Structure formats: structure tokens, C-alpha cells
Protein backbone atom coordinates (compact mmCIF):
# COMPACT_ATOMS: atom_id res chain seq x y z
CA MET A 1 130.25 67.62 87.69
CA LYS A 2 128.00 66.98 90.62
CA ASN A 3 127.83 63.72 92.92
CA MET A 4 124.94 62.10 92.67
CA THR A 5 125.29 59.93 95.55
CA HIS A 6 124.56 62.71 98.21
CA PRO A 7 121.47 64.86 98.03
CA GLY A 8 122.75 68.60 96.95
CA ALA A 9 126.54 67.74 96.74
CA GLY A 10 128.23 69.96 94.56
CA THR A 11 125.61 72.78 94.74
CA ARG A 12 126.24 76.00 96.84
CA PRO A 13 123.50 77.66 98.18
CA ALA A 14 123.57 81.44 96.91
CA ALA A 15 122.64 82.25 100.52
CA ARG A 16 125.98 81.13 101.78
CA SER A 17 128.04 82.84 99.09
CA ASN A 18 126.41 86.19 99.73
CA PRO A 19 124.83 86.97 103.27
CA ARG A 20 124.32 90.50 102.25
CA ALA A 21 121.96 89.34 99.46
CA ILE A 22 119.68 87.50 102.49
CA MET A 23 119.83 90.48 104.26
CA ARG A 24 118.59 92.45 101.65
CA GLN A 25 115.69 89.83 100.96
CA LEU A 26 114.94 90.13 104.54
CA ALA A 27 114.62 93.79 104.20
CA ALA A 28 112.86 94.34 101.03
CA PRO A 29 109.37 94.82 101.46
CA ALA A 30 106.56 92.15 100.11
CA PRO A 31 104.97 93.47 96.91
CA ALA A 32 101.71 94.68 98.30
CA GLU A 33 98.41 95.16 96.45
CA PRO A 34 97.87 98.81 95.41
CA ILE A 35 95.33 100.74 96.92
CA VAL A 36 92.95 101.56 94.36
CA LEU A 37 90.87 104.66 95.82
CA ARG A 38 87.88 104.12 93.77
CA GLU A 39 87.19 100.86 95.49
CA VAL A 40 88.01 102.54 98.83
CA ILE A 41 85.55 105.52 98.21
CA GLY A 42 82.85 103.02 97.04
CA ALA A 43 83.24 100.78 99.86
CA VAL A 44 82.50 103.39 102.43
CA LEU A 45 79.68 105.27 100.37
CA ARG A 46 77.93 101.38 100.74
CA GLU A 47 78.87 100.92 104.43
CA ILE A 48 77.36 104.75 105.09
CA ARG A 49 74.19 103.63 103.03
CA LEU A 50 73.71 100.45 104.37
CA ASP A 51 74.21 101.91 107.94
CA GLN A 52 71.24 104.22 107.53
CA GLY A 53 69.14 101.52 105.98
CA ARG A 54 68.62 103.09 102.62
CA THR A 55 67.98 101.18 99.40
CA LEU A 56 70.51 102.04 96.23
CA ARG A 57 67.18 103.21 94.85
CA GLU A 58 66.49 105.71 97.27
CA VAL A 59 69.93 107.42 97.36
CA SER A 60 70.40 107.37 93.64
CA SER A 61 66.91 109.24 93.36
CA ALA A 62 68.04 111.66 95.84
CA ALA A 63 71.27 112.27 94.66
CA GLN A 64 69.84 112.70 91.31
CA VAL A 65 72.25 109.58 89.38
CA SER A 66 71.05 106.65 88.09
CA LEU A 67 70.96 103.42 90.18
CA GLY A 68 73.18 101.56 87.98
CA TYR A 69 75.85 104.43 87.90
CA LEU A 70 75.70 104.41 91.94
CA SER A 71 75.83 100.54 92.34
CA GLU A 72 79.12 100.91 90.06
CA VAL A 73 80.43 103.84 92.51
CA GLU A 74 79.86 101.67 95.30
CA ARG A 75 81.44 98.64 93.59
CA GLY A 76 84.71 100.59 92.97
CA GLN A 77 84.04 99.94 88.85
CA LYS A 78 83.45 103.77 88.24
CA GLU A 79 85.31 107.03 89.52
CA ALA A 80 83.09 109.35 90.68
CA SER A 81 83.50 112.97 89.98
CA SER A 82 83.70 115.41 93.16
CA GLU A 83 80.43 116.75 92.08
CA LEU A 84 78.90 113.51 92.11
CA LEU A 85 80.28 112.75 95.36
CA ALA A 86 78.99 115.90 96.79
CA ALA A 87 75.59 114.89 95.70
CA ILE A 88 75.27 111.60 97.10
CA CYS A 89 76.71 112.87 100.75
CA GLN A 90 73.86 115.30 100.36
CA ALA A 91 71.59 112.47 99.22
CA LEU A 92 73.03 110.27 102.36
CA ASP A 93 72.78 113.36 104.40
CA TYR A 94 76.71 113.19 105.25
CA ARG A 95 79.09 115.66 105.40
CA LEU A 96 81.44 115.63 102.56
CA SER A 97 84.18 116.12 105.02
CA HIS A 98 83.33 113.62 107.31
CA PHE A 99 83.09 110.93 104.24
CA LEU A 100 86.40 112.02 103.03
CA LYS A 101 88.07 111.81 106.57
CA ASP A 102 86.71 108.09 106.74
CA VAL A 103 88.22 107.50 103.01
CA ALA A 104 91.60 108.73 104.53
CA LEU A 105 91.47 106.96 107.50
CA ARG A 106 91.03 103.63 105.44
CA VAL A 107 93.58 104.26 103.17
CA ASN A 108 96.00 104.89 105.94
CA ALA A 109 95.06 101.81 107.50
CA ALA A 110 95.55 99.82 104.55
CA GLU A 111 98.96 101.57 104.27
CA GLN A 112 99.90 100.87 107.55
CA ALA A 113 98.79 96.89 106.99
CA ALA A 114 101.24 96.89 104.12
CA LYS A 115 104.23 97.75 105.97
CA VAL A 116 106.77 95.05 106.40
CA VAL A 117 108.11 94.75 109.81
CA VAL A 118 111.88 94.27 109.24
CA PRO A 119 112.94 91.70 112.45
CA ASP A 120 115.77 93.37 114.58
CA THR A 121 117.31 89.62 114.88
CA VAL A 122 118.09 87.08 112.40
CA PRO A 123 115.77 84.28 112.02
CA ALA A 124 117.65 80.82 113.61
CA ASN A 125 117.82 78.98 110.30
CA LEU A 126 119.63 82.00 108.61
CA GLU A 127 122.34 82.63 111.15
CA HIS A 128 124.69 80.28 109.64
CA VAL A 129 124.72 82.23 106.51
CA LEU A 130 125.47 85.57 108.04
CA PRO A 131 128.75 86.76 108.90
CA HIS A 132 128.64 87.57 112.73
CA VAL A 133 128.79 91.12 113.93
């Protein structure tokens, strides 16, 4: 039976009873949003187009793709085939290999940002629950 006169009396924090569980929680990576490749591809295409000062209409006409579909690709709502990506890159006068490199760099940056750094010291507020090594 809990002692109701003292807050927390009669309860035992799980961390105190299992120091290894605390260490696993500290080392466990936080759930990260998955990288959606179509969104990265769309963002890079839009950035290239805007850097050139081109409109969706101009690029869609040159790539022979509908304006609506190109817009959906840029917004990451549609998957673009390799043929379509090549046509869009050609319309943008941008090498496909450079485009793919730009996408890869952006994916790599997102992966690096999602990495969890595990501290090499125990936070002061948890020192009391871990055994001294």
C-alpha cells in the first residue's frame, strides 16, 4: 500500500531498478522521419528551375510533360521515371549526373542530421541510477 502522505512514497522508479535499461534508452536512436526520395528529387528540381528563373510552364513545355504532372513531381507527390527525370534535366539544361549528385548530397545531409550522438558521459541527473564503473 502506498504512503499517501509523501509524494512518490511506495513507488520505485524503473530506472533505479535497471541501470542498463537507462543506458539502452540513452543509446537508442530517436525515431526519425523516413527520407522520401520523391520529395528530395522534387525539391532539387524546383530549386534548379527557380535558380534559373524559369516557370513550370516553360520547363513542362520543353520537357514535353504536363504542367500539372511536373508540379506534382516538384512537390514530391508523384514518382518520376528515369526517362522523365532525363527529359526534365534536358529541359533545364542540367546534366542528369549533376542532378543525381545533388539529390545524393541532400539525402546524405538528411541521413547525417538524423544520426543520434550518444554522449560519452552520463548526464548529471542520471548519475545516481547508474553503477560506478
